[in-house]
């Protein structure tokens, strides 16, 4: 009897059939990059890709951000026809671009246009890190510069959401030239009395952080966003010192005067609407 109670028993695992596997939608679940808990992807999308448990802000694709920020039916896209070619004949570059275009549904890593936020009209550019890591190529710089120039012509503010790994290596010097082009466009816009709001999201690094991302009239960021030029290892090797754990985070930048405010994603629309209202004729609306 004791042998029957405590003896080893064979355990069998049931293997789901191929039909059962096919019935489970692909990409149904999503693991949080912060606390590693698993959630339904729909739940995360409804929560603006912010983890309900640890508040980690996952990257938000350009169109998802646009849909959640701008008033319904107010959005008008600009320069959607612009696409990148291969000016330096870099091997395999065209194939990588086509792969990202198919994966994201975007022509490039930025969407520009204008719309209204709680009734207040503004031009904007939204970068998407899922397309070539948001790296800044010629078309990125051209679309952003055009959007700023058009905002100046129409006399409306300009908001940019940055998300980038820096310059695009396949375009070499042409990529680096976009830093100057976009910065000059911002200077002309500012000289004409234009309002620019920069919102840095994870990550904002390299040439993007060193140019248009950091020269807004208001510089905001999402919680925990990586913001900086060179990487931690390079900086530590250069200065030969150990850096703090929160180095180059949005909170670190705010503490050291590089940002005006760190804004939770759920508060972003109301914060932008408030800032825009300050610069409407007559000041803040009641």
C-alpha atoms as a PDB file:
ATOM      1  CA  UNK A   1       0.000   0.000   0.000  1.00  0.00           C
ATOM      2  CA  UNK A   2       2.802   2.430   0.938  1.00  0.00           C
ATOM      3  CA  UNK A   3       4.498   1.587  -2.314  1.00  0.00           C
ATOM      4  CA  UNK A   4       1.361   2.505  -4.186  1.00  0.00           C
ATOM      5  CA  UNK A   5       1.076   5.824  -2.328  1.00  0.00           C
ATOM      6  CA  UNK A   6       4.667   7.008  -2.606  1.00  0.00           C
ATOM      7  CA  UNK A   7       6.002   5.128  -5.577  1.00  0.00           C
ATOM      8  CA  UNK A   8       7.043   6.983  -8.710  1.00  0.00           C
ATOM      9  CA  UNK A   9       4.362   7.350 -11.301  1.00  0.00           C
ATOM     10  CA  UNK A  10       4.780   8.057 -14.936  1.00  0.00           C
ATOM     11  CA  UNK A  11       3.641  11.504 -15.984  1.00  0.00           C
ATOM     12  CA  UNK A  12       2.475  12.273 -19.455  1.00  0.00           C
ATOM     13  CA  UNK A  13       2.496  15.649 -21.232  1.00  0.00           C
ATOM     14  CA  UNK A  14      -0.257  16.399 -23.679  1.00  0.00           C
ATOM     15  CA  UNK A  15       1.029  17.858 -26.917  1.00  0.00           C
ATOM     16  CA  UNK A  16      -1.368  20.251 -28.649  1.00  0.00           C
ATOM     17  CA  UNK A  17      -2.358  19.280 -32.149  1.00  0.00           C
ATOM     18  CA  UNK A  18      -1.310  21.355 -35.150  1.00  0.00           C
ATOM     19  CA  UNK A  19      -4.907  22.578 -35.424  1.00  0.00           C
ATOM     20  CA  UNK A  20      -4.842  23.750 -31.799  1.00  0.00           C
ATOM     21  CA  UNK A  21      -1.610  25.615 -32.446  1.00  0.00           C
ATOM     22  CA  UNK A  22      -3.138  27.285 -35.479  1.00  0.00           C
ATOM     23  CA  UNK A  23      -6.105  28.472 -33.397  1.00  0.00           C
ATOM     24  CA  UNK A  24      -3.833  30.604 -31.134  1.00  0.00           C
ATOM     25  CA  UNK A  25      -3.381  34.044 -32.726  1.00  0.00           C
ATOM     26  CA  UNK A  26       0.245  34.963 -33.397  1.00  0.00           C
ATOM     27  CA  UNK A  27       1.545  37.787 -31.200  1.00  0.00           C
ATOM     28  CA  UNK A  28      -1.339  37.475 -28.738  1.00  0.00           C
ATOM     29  CA  UNK A  29       0.870  37.971 -25.687  1.00  0.00           C
ATOM     30  CA  UNK A  30       3.576  40.496 -24.865  1.00  0.00           C
ATOM     31  CA  UNK A  31       6.291  40.390 -22.197  1.00  0.00           C
ATOM     32  CA  UNK A  32       7.134  43.595 -20.366  1.00  0.00           C
ATOM     33  CA  UNK A  33      10.765  44.627 -20.868  1.00  0.00           C
ATOM     34  CA  UNK A  34      10.821  46.070 -17.356  1.00  0.00           C
ATOM     35  CA  UNK A  35       9.303  43.523 -14.962  1.00  0.00           C
ATOM     36  CA  UNK A  36       9.046  40.605 -17.463  1.00  0.00           C
ATOM     37  CA  UNK A  37       5.394  39.951 -16.689  1.00  0.00           C
ATOM     38  CA  UNK A  38       3.269  38.747 -19.579  1.00  0.00           C
ATOM     39  CA  UNK A  39       0.154  40.565 -20.753  1.00  0.00           C
ATOM     40  CA  UNK A  40      -2.298  40.385 -23.597  1.00  0.00           C
ATOM     41  CA  UNK A  41      -1.007  42.624 -26.383  1.00  0.00           C
ATOM     42  CA  UNK A  42      -4.448  44.257 -26.650  1.00  0.00           C
ATOM     43  CA  UNK A  43      -4.258  45.178 -22.965  1.00  0.00           C
ATOM     44  CA  UNK A  44      -0.858  46.801 -23.459  1.00  0.00           C
ATOM     45  CA  UNK A  45      -2.036  48.715 -26.517  1.00  0.00           C
ATOM     46  CA  UNK A  46      -5.060  49.971 -24.606  1.00  0.00           C
ATOM     47  CA  UNK A  47      -2.676  51.157 -21.888  1.00  0.00           C
ATOM     48  CA  UNK A  48      -0.564  53.050 -24.478  1.00  0.00           C
ATOM     49  CA  UNK A  49       2.195  50.409 -24.254  1.00  0.00           C
ATOM     50  CA  UNK A  50       2.830  51.263 -20.601  1.00  0.00           C
ATOM     51  CA  UNK A  51       3.171  48.283 -18.253  1.00  0.00           C
ATOM     52  CA  UNK A  52       0.289  48.183 -15.703  1.00  0.00           C
ATOM     53  CA  UNK A  53       2.628  46.633 -13.127  1.00  0.00           C
ATOM     54  CA  UNK A  54       5.965  48.504 -13.278  1.00  0.00           C
ATOM     55  CA  UNK A  55       5.004  51.523 -15.437  1.00  0.00           C
ATOM     56  CA  UNK A  56       7.708  50.756 -17.999  1.00  0.00           C
ATOM     57  CA  UNK A  57       7.168  52.818 -21.162  1.00  0.00           C
ATOM     58  CA  UNK A  58       7.628  50.579 -24.200  1.00  0.00           C
ATOM     59  CA  UNK A  59       8.348  52.162 -27.605  1.00  0.00           C
ATOM     60  CA  UNK A  60       5.176  53.375 -29.287  1.00  0.00           C
ATOM     61  CA  UNK A  61       4.836  53.112 -33.055  1.00  0.00           C
ATOM     62  CA  UNK A  62       4.308  56.373 -34.926  1.00  0.00           C
ATOM     63  CA  UNK A  63       0.692  55.825 -36.022  1.00  0.00           C
ATOM     64  CA  UNK A  64      -0.356  54.542 -32.588  1.00  0.00           C
ATOM     65  CA  UNK A  65       1.038  57.706 -31.020  1.00  0.00           C
ATOM     66  CA  UNK A  66      -0.652  59.929 -33.594  1.00  0.00           C
ATOM     67  CA  UNK A  67      -4.003  58.204 -33.050  1.00  0.00           C
ATOM     68  CA  UNK A  68      -3.814  58.671 -29.284  1.00  0.00           C
ATOM     69  CA  UNK A  69      -2.658  62.303 -29.367  1.00  0.00           C
ATOM     70  CA  UNK A  70      -4.563  64.080 -32.101  1.00  0.00           C
ATOM     71  CA  UNK A  71      -8.245  64.856 -32.322  1.00  0.00           C
ATOM     72  CA  UNK A  72     -10.221  62.443 -34.483  1.00  0.00           C
ATOM     73  CA  UNK A  73     -10.226  63.259 -38.212  1.00  0.00           C
ATOM     74  CA  UNK A  74      -7.932  66.259 -37.663  1.00  0.00           C
ATOM     75  CA  UNK A  75      -4.731  64.674 -38.951  1.00  0.00           C
ATOM     76  CA  UNK A  76      -3.227  65.607 -42.324  1.00  0.00           C
ATOM     77  CA  UNK A  77       0.001  63.899 -43.403  1.00  0.00           C
ATOM     78  CA  UNK A  78       2.775  65.779 -45.207  1.00  0.00           C
ATOM     79  CA  UNK A  79       5.404  64.480 -47.653  1.00  0.00           C
ATOM     80  CA  UNK A  80       4.230  60.871 -47.385  1.00  0.00           C
ATOM     81  CA  UNK A  81       5.610  60.182 -50.866  1.00  0.00           C
ATOM     82  CA  UNK A  82       9.266  60.751 -49.877  1.00  0.00           C
ATOM     83  CA  UNK A  83      11.284  57.543 -49.798  1.00  0.00           C
ATOM     84  CA  UNK A  84      14.948  56.717 -49.291  1.00  0.00           C
ATOM     85  CA  UNK A  85      17.240  55.488 -52.055  1.00  0.00           C
ATOM     86  CA  UNK A  86      20.837  54.266 -51.751  1.00  0.00           C
ATOM     87  CA  UNK A  87      23.020  57.323 -52.451  1.00  0.00           C
ATOM     88  CA  UNK A  88      26.290  55.606 -51.468  1.00  0.00           C
ATOM     89  CA  UNK A  89      25.441  52.242 -53.064  1.00  0.00           C
ATOM     90  CA  UNK A  90      25.806  50.574 -49.664  1.00  0.00           C
ATOM     91  CA  UNK A  91      25.509  46.773 -50.078  1.00  0.00           C
ATOM     92  CA  UNK A  92      22.139  45.373 -48.994  1.00  0.00           C
ATOM     93  CA  UNK A  93      20.701  48.742 -47.979  1.00  0.00           C
ATOM     94  CA  UNK A  94      17.718  48.598 -50.357  1.00  0.00           C
ATOM     95  CA  UNK A  95      16.747  45.163 -49.081  1.00  0.00           C
ATOM     96  CA  UNK A  96      16.846  46.341 -45.461  1.00  0.00           C
ATOM     97  CA  UNK A  97      14.676  49.341 -46.309  1.00  0.00           C
ATOM     98  CA  UNK A  98      12.109  47.164 -48.086  1.00  0.00           C
ATOM     99  CA  UNK A  99      12.031  44.751 -45.154  1.00  0.00           C
ATOM    100  CA  UNK A 100      11.352  47.561 -42.675  1.00  0.00           C
ATOM    101  CA  UNK A 101       8.750  49.126 -44.970  1.00  0.00           C
ATOM    102  CA  UNK A 102       6.890  45.820 -45.112  1.00  0.00           C
ATOM    103  CA  UNK A 103       7.209  45.272 -41.343  1.00  0.00           C
ATOM    104  CA  UNK A 104       6.086  48.741 -40.231  1.00  0.00           C
ATOM    105  CA  UNK A 105       3.878  49.968 -43.079  1.00  0.00           C
ATOM    106  CA  UNK A 106       5.971  53.159 -43.143  1.00  0.00           C
ATOM    107  CA  UNK A 107       8.029  54.602 -45.992  1.00  0.00           C
ATOM    108  CA  UNK A 108      10.573  56.006 -43.523  1.00  0.00           C
ATOM    109  CA  UNK A 109      11.178  56.295 -39.785  1.00  0.00           C
ATOM    110  CA  UNK A 110       9.235  59.550 -39.363  1.00  0.00           C
ATOM    111  CA  UNK A 111       5.678  60.700 -40.038  1.00  0.00           C
ATOM    112  CA  UNK A 112       5.060  64.430 -40.425  1.00  0.00           C
ATOM    113  CA  UNK A 113       1.908  66.487 -40.780  1.00  0.00           C
ATOM    114  CA  UNK A 114      -0.486  68.670 -38.834  1.00  0.00           C
ATOM    115  CA  UNK A 115      -3.547  68.171 -36.679  1.00  0.00           C
ATOM    116  CA  UNK A 116      -5.279  69.458 -33.579  1.00  0.00           C
ATOM    117  CA  UNK A 117      -4.760  68.536 -29.934  1.00  0.00           C
ATOM    118  CA  UNK A 118      -7.890  69.414 -27.953  1.00  0.00           C
ATOM    119  CA  UNK A 119      -8.765  71.856 -30.721  1.00  0.00           C
ATOM    120  CA  UNK A 120      -5.349  73.535 -30.917  1.00  0.00           C
ATOM    121  CA  UNK A 121      -3.677  73.256 -34.320  1.00  0.00           C
ATOM    122  CA  UNK A 122      -0.050  72.201 -34.524  1.00  0.00           C
ATOM    123  CA  UNK A 123       2.433  70.730 -36.977  1.00  0.00           C
ATOM    124  CA  UNK A 124       4.360  67.688 -35.858  1.00  0.00           C
ATOM    125  CA  UNK A 125       6.897  64.959 -36.597  1.00  0.00           C
ATOM    126  CA  UNK A 126       6.746  61.538 -34.944  1.00  0.00           C
ATOM    127  CA  UNK A 127       9.752  59.220 -35.223  1.00  0.00           C
ATOM    128  CA  UNK A 128       9.405  55.433 -35.116  1.00  0.00           C
ATOM    129  CA  UNK A 129      12.247  53.323 -33.705  1.00  0.00           C
ATOM    130  CA  UNK A 130      10.902  50.134 -35.315  1.00  0.00           C
ATOM    131  CA  UNK A 131      12.112  51.400 -38.721  1.00  0.00           C
ATOM    132  CA  UNK A 132      15.914  51.168 -38.915  1.00  0.00           C
ATOM    133  CA  UNK A 133      16.016  52.016 -35.188  1.00  0.00           C
ATOM    134  CA  UNK A 134      14.807  55.512 -36.090  1.00  0.00           C
ATOM    135  CA  UNK A 135      18.255  56.281 -37.505  1.00  0.00           C
ATOM    136  CA  UNK A 136      18.543  59.666 -39.169  1.00  0.00           C
ATOM    137  CA  UNK A 137      19.047  59.438 -42.920  1.00  0.00           C
ATOM    138  CA  UNK A 138      18.595  62.030 -45.657  1.00  0.00           C
ATOM    139  CA  UNK A 139      14.819  61.599 -45.923  1.00  0.00           C
ATOM    140  CA  UNK A 140      14.388  61.854 -42.137  1.00  0.00           C
ATOM    141  CA  UNK A 141      16.179  65.205 -42.114  1.00  0.00           C
ATOM    142  CA  UNK A 142      14.360  66.425 -45.215  1.00  0.00           C
ATOM    143  CA  UNK A 143      10.900  65.574 -43.884  1.00  0.00           C
ATOM    144  CA  UNK A 144      11.569  67.189 -40.506  1.00  0.00           C
ATOM    145  CA  UNK A 145      13.072  70.330 -42.084  1.00  0.00           C
ATOM    146  CA  UNK A 146      10.119  70.620 -44.483  1.00  0.00           C
ATOM    147  CA  UNK A 147       7.633  70.217 -41.629  1.00  0.00           C
ATOM    148  CA  UNK A 148       9.330  72.985 -39.635  1.00  0.00           C
ATOM    149  CA  UNK A 149       9.388  75.304 -42.672  1.00  0.00           C
ATOM    150  CA  UNK A 150       5.720  74.637 -43.345  1.00  0.00           C
ATOM    151  CA  UNK A 151       4.828  75.290 -39.709  1.00  0.00           C
ATOM    152  CA  UNK A 152       6.602  78.646 -40.064  1.00  0.00           C
ATOM    153  CA  UNK A 153       4.651  79.453 -43.238  1.00  0.00           C
ATOM    154  CA  UNK A 154       1.309  78.540 -41.650  1.00  0.00           C
ATOM    155  CA  UNK A 155       2.117  80.266 -38.363  1.00  0.00           C
ATOM    156  CA  UNK A 156       1.442  77.226 -36.182  1.00  0.00           C
ATOM    157  CA  UNK A 157       3.536  75.499 -33.460  1.00  0.00           C
ATOM    158  CA  UNK A 158       5.690  72.445 -34.133  1.00  0.00           C
ATOM    159  CA  UNK A 159       5.928  69.324 -31.933  1.00  0.00           C
ATOM    160  CA  UNK A 160       8.441  66.538 -32.480  1.00  0.00           C
ATOM    161  CA  UNK A 161       8.587  63.116 -30.830  1.00  0.00           C
ATOM    162  CA  UNK A 162      12.108  61.764 -31.143  1.00  0.00           C
ATOM    163  CA  UNK A 163      13.115  58.092 -31.059  1.00  0.00           C
ATOM    164  CA  UNK A 164      16.432  57.266 -32.670  1.00  0.00           C
ATOM    165  CA  UNK A 165      19.679  55.383 -32.401  1.00  0.00           C
ATOM    166  CA  UNK A 166      21.504  58.261 -34.105  1.00  0.00           C
ATOM    167  CA  UNK A 167      22.947  58.674 -37.595  1.00  0.00           C
ATOM    168  CA  UNK A 168      22.306  56.083 -40.310  1.00  0.00           C
ATOM    169  CA  UNK A 169      25.599  54.412 -41.136  1.00  0.00           C
ATOM    170  CA  UNK A 170      24.528  53.410 -44.664  1.00  0.00           C
ATOM    171  CA  UNK A 171      24.346  57.096 -45.634  1.00  0.00           C
ATOM    172  CA  UNK A 172      27.603  58.242 -44.051  1.00  0.00           C
ATOM    173  CA  UNK A 173      28.258  61.993 -44.213  1.00  0.00           C
ATOM    174  CA  UNK A 174      24.861  62.623 -45.802  1.00  0.00           C
ATOM    175  CA  UNK A 175      23.289  61.423 -42.558  1.00  0.00           C
ATOM    176  CA  UNK A 176      25.455  63.698 -40.409  1.00  0.00           C
ATOM    177  CA  UNK A 177      24.551  66.691 -42.585  1.00  0.00           C
ATOM    178  CA  UNK A 178      20.936  66.369 -41.414  1.00  0.00           C
ATOM    179  CA  UNK A 179      21.999  67.640 -37.988  1.00  0.00           C
ATOM    180  CA  UNK A 180      22.901  71.023 -39.478  1.00  0.00           C
ATOM    181  CA  UNK A 181      19.931  71.150 -41.847  1.00  0.00           C
ATOM    182  CA  UNK A 182      17.313  70.489 -39.173  1.00  0.00           C
ATOM    183  CA  UNK A 183      18.991  72.763 -36.614  1.00  0.00           C
ATOM    184  CA  UNK A 184      19.037  75.646 -39.105  1.00  0.00           C
ATOM    185  CA  UNK A 185      15.345  75.046 -39.845  1.00  0.00           C
ATOM    186  CA  UNK A 186      14.609  75.249 -36.093  1.00  0.00           C
ATOM    187  CA  UNK A 187      16.621  78.498 -35.793  1.00  0.00           C
ATOM    188  CA  UNK A 188      14.691  80.129 -38.662  1.00  0.00           C
ATOM    189  CA  UNK A 189      11.429  78.949 -37.129  1.00  0.00           C
ATOM    190  CA  UNK A 190      12.405  80.384 -33.740  1.00  0.00           C
ATOM    191  CA  UNK A 191      13.502  83.710 -35.286  1.00  0.00           C
ATOM    192  CA  UNK A 192      10.053  83.968 -36.886  1.00  0.00           C
ATOM    193  CA  UNK A 193       8.438  83.576 -33.456  1.00  0.00           C
ATOM    194  CA  UNK A 194       7.530  79.904 -33.805  1.00  0.00           C
ATOM    195  CA  UNK A 195       6.957  77.579 -30.850  1.00  0.00           C
ATOM    196  CA  UNK A 196       8.724  74.194 -30.854  1.00  0.00           C
ATOM    197  CA  UNK A 197       8.059  71.440 -28.323  1.00  0.00           C
ATOM    198  CA  UNK A 198      10.471  68.496 -28.282  1.00  0.00           C
ATOM    199  CA  UNK A 199       9.408  65.232 -26.622  1.00  0.00           C
ATOM    200  CA  UNK A 200      12.248  62.739 -26.228  1.00  0.00           C
ATOM    201  CA  UNK A 201      11.219  59.095 -26.058  1.00  0.00           C
ATOM    202  CA  UNK A 202      13.238  55.903 -25.611  1.00  0.00           C
ATOM    203  CA  UNK A 203      15.825  56.022 -27.061  1.00  0.00           C
ATOM    204  CA  UNK A 204      16.982  59.480 -28.207  1.00  0.00           C
ATOM    205  CA  UNK A 205      20.696  59.213 -28.868  1.00  0.00           C
ATOM    206  CA  UNK A 206      23.551  60.197 -31.153  1.00  0.00           C
ATOM    207  CA  UNK A 207      23.125  62.924 -33.737  1.00  0.00           C
ATOM    208  CA  UNK A 208      19.414  63.303 -33.063  1.00  0.00           C
ATOM    209  CA  UNK A 209      19.970  64.138 -29.385  1.00  0.00           C
ATOM    210  CA  UNK A 210      22.786  66.495 -30.414  1.00  0.00           C
ATOM    211  CA  UNK A 211      20.645  68.456 -32.871  1.00  0.00           C
ATOM    212  CA  UNK A 212      16.912  69.153 -33.165  1.00  0.00           C
ATOM    213  CA  UNK A 213      15.841  66.980 -30.203  1.00  0.00           C
ATOM    214  CA  UNK A 214      17.539  69.227 -27.649  1.00  0.00           C
ATOM    215  CA  UNK A 215      16.729  72.724 -28.924  1.00  0.00           C
ATOM    216  CA  UNK A 216      13.003  73.059 -28.406  1.00  0.00           C
ATOM    217  CA  UNK A 217      11.397  75.915 -26.507  1.00  0.00           C
ATOM    218  CA  UNK A 218      10.104  73.172 -24.226  1.00  0.00           C
ATOM    219  CA  UNK A 219      12.123  69.974 -23.873  1.00  0.00           C
ATOM    220  CA  UNK A 220      10.054  67.115 -22.444  1.00  0.00           C
ATOM    221  CA  UNK A 221      10.664  63.377 -22.119  1.00  0.00           C
ATOM    222  CA  UNK A 222       8.863  60.174 -21.233  1.00  0.00           C
ATOM    223  CA  UNK A 223       9.811  58.365 -17.985  1.00  0.00           C
ATOM    224  CA  UNK A 224      12.911  56.210 -18.192  1.00  0.00           C
ATOM    225  CA  UNK A 225      13.835  57.307 -21.717  1.00  0.00           C
ATOM    226  CA  UNK A 226      17.486  56.858 -22.681  1.00  0.00           C
ATOM    227  CA  UNK A 227      18.786  60.280 -23.744  1.00  0.00           C
ATOM    228  CA  UNK A 228      22.397  60.972 -24.641  1.00  0.00           C
ATOM    229  CA  UNK A 229      25.048  61.273 -27.317  1.00  0.00           C
ATOM    230  CA  UNK A 230      27.760  58.654 -26.728  1.00  0.00           C
ATOM    231  CA  UNK A 231      27.141  55.374 -24.908  1.00  0.00           C
ATOM    232  CA  UNK A 232      27.881  54.767 -21.235  1.00  0.00           C
ATOM    233  CA  UNK A 233      30.977  52.626 -21.917  1.00  0.00           C
ATOM    234  CA  UNK A 234      32.539  55.260 -24.196  1.00  0.00           C
ATOM    235  CA  UNK A 235      31.924  58.054 -21.674  1.00  0.00           C
ATOM    236  CA  UNK A 236      33.334  56.013 -18.779  1.00  0.00           C
ATOM    237  CA  UNK A 237      36.452  55.150 -20.772  1.00  0.00           C
ATOM    238  CA  UNK A 238      36.917  58.789 -21.747  1.00  0.00           C
ATOM    239  CA  UNK A 239      36.533  60.357 -18.295  1.00  0.00           C
ATOM    240  CA  UNK A 240      37.852  57.272 -16.439  1.00  0.00           C
ATOM    241  CA  UNK A 241      35.112  57.429 -13.863  1.00  0.00           C
ATOM    242  CA  UNK A 242      32.189  55.212 -12.917  1.00  0.00           C
ATOM    243  CA  UNK A 243      28.907  56.810 -13.912  1.00  0.00           C
ATOM    244  CA  UNK A 244      25.697  56.729 -11.802  1.00  0.00           C
ATOM    245  CA  UNK A 245      23.180  53.963 -12.498  1.00  0.00           C
ATOM    246  CA  UNK A 246      20.610  56.447 -13.794  1.00  0.00           C
ATOM    247  CA  UNK A 247      23.061  58.178 -16.133  1.00  0.00           C
ATOM    248  CA  UNK A 248      21.444  59.336 -19.400  1.00  0.00           C
ATOM    249  CA  UNK A 249      17.910  58.572 -18.238  1.00  0.00           C
ATOM    250  CA  UNK A 250      15.193  61.191 -18.557  1.00  0.00           C
ATOM    251  CA  UNK A 251      15.166  61.600 -14.782  1.00  0.00           C
ATOM    252  CA  UNK A 252      18.932  62.213 -14.723  1.00  0.00           C
ATOM    253  CA  UNK A 253      18.624  64.809 -17.492  1.00  0.00           C
ATOM    254  CA  UNK A 254      15.809  66.581 -15.631  1.00  0.00           C
ATOM    255  CA  UNK A 255      17.846  66.657 -12.425  1.00  0.00           C
ATOM    256  CA  UNK A 256      20.765  68.273 -14.270  1.00  0.00           C
ATOM    257  CA  UNK A 257      18.754  70.894 -16.118  1.00  0.00           C
ATOM    258  CA  UNK A 258      18.632  69.332 -19.578  1.00  0.00           C
ATOM    259  CA  UNK A 259      14.848  68.859 -19.545  1.00  0.00           C
ATOM    260  CA  UNK A 260      11.891  70.964 -18.495  1.00  0.00           C
ATOM    261  CA  UNK A 261       9.659  68.071 -17.436  1.00  0.00           C
ATOM    262  CA  UNK A 262       9.297  64.288 -17.498  1.00  0.00           C
ATOM    263  CA  UNK A 263       5.739  63.522 -18.593  1.00  0.00           C
ATOM    264  CA  UNK A 264       3.908  60.212 -18.201  1.00  0.00           C
ATOM    265  CA  UNK A 265       2.461  58.986 -21.477  1.00  0.00           C
ATOM    266  CA  UNK A 266      -1.082  59.069 -20.124  1.00  0.00           C
ATOM    267  CA  UNK A 267      -0.616  62.785 -19.320  1.00  0.00           C
ATOM    268  CA  UNK A 268       1.097  63.724 -22.572  1.00  0.00           C
ATOM    269  CA  UNK A 269      -1.943  64.909 -24.519  1.00  0.00           C
ATOM    270  CA  UNK A 270      -3.220  67.163 -21.733  1.00  0.00           C
ATOM    271  CA  UNK A 271       0.294  68.542 -21.107  1.00  0.00           C
ATOM    272  CA  UNK A 272       0.805  69.405 -24.772  1.00  0.00           C
ATOM    273  CA  UNK A 273      -2.659  70.954 -24.983  1.00  0.00           C
ATOM    274  CA  UNK A 274      -1.860  73.115 -21.951  1.00  0.00           C
ATOM    275  CA  UNK A 275       1.456  74.306 -23.415  1.00  0.00           C
ATOM    276  CA  UNK A 276      -0.200  75.071 -26.743  1.00  0.00           C
ATOM    277  CA  UNK A 277      -2.930  77.054 -24.971  1.00  0.00           C
ATOM    278  CA  UNK A 278      -0.300  79.274 -23.334  1.00  0.00           C
ATOM    279  CA  UNK A 279       0.798  80.373 -26.798  1.00  0.00           C
ATOM    280  CA  UNK A 280      -2.629  80.940 -28.295  1.00  0.00           C
ATOM    281  CA  UNK A 281      -3.712  84.518 -28.791  1.00  0.00           C
ATOM    282  CA  UNK A 282      -4.928  85.751 -25.421  1.00  0.00           C
ATOM    283  CA  UNK A 283      -2.878  83.227 -23.449  1.00  0.00           C
ATOM    284  CA  UNK A 284      -4.284  80.230 -21.552  1.00  0.00           C
ATOM    285  CA  UNK A 285      -7.868  79.430 -22.451  1.00  0.00           C
ATOM    286  CA  UNK A 286     -10.381  79.029 -19.674  1.00  0.00           C
END
